[in-house]
Amino acid sequence: EEQLVESGGGLVQSGGSLRLSCEASGFAFDDYTVGWFRQAPGKEREGVSSINHGDGSTVYRDSVKGRFTISKDTAKNMVYLQMNSLKPEDTASYYCAGEASPLTTSARLSTTAYRHWGQGTQVTVSS
């Protein structure tokens, strides 16, 4: 069974850092494009970052550029999201997602492009 499990969320003060982890079981991340998404209460789920399985290229939403970094460890079958300089507006449930089919750059932050999803981990940033 293909499964994604996120971890690493928590409560942090504004300006602090967290590293989220996404572990895959049942499939190899090396063959998948992996994305991080977030959803705040009352808002739609939005793409945060994505890393391509082929060339390892990354994309970020504008509001996190320079603060968040996505990376993967294929040996451990893990994908990470390092989040620095966190702001209260980063508060949300964070989800990782995987997709084996090739994705265009514009699709890589789209929720509809991914078929496999984790259950999410909560990130709360206090002001």
Foldseek 3Di string as FASTA:
>chain_A
DWAKAKDWADEEAQQAKIKMKIAIPPDFCLQKKKWKWWDAPPGDIWTAKIAGSPPRDMDGDPVQPPFWDWDDDRVRSMIMIIGGRDDQVVWTWMKMFIDNDDDDPVCSTPPVRGDHIHPTDTHGYHD
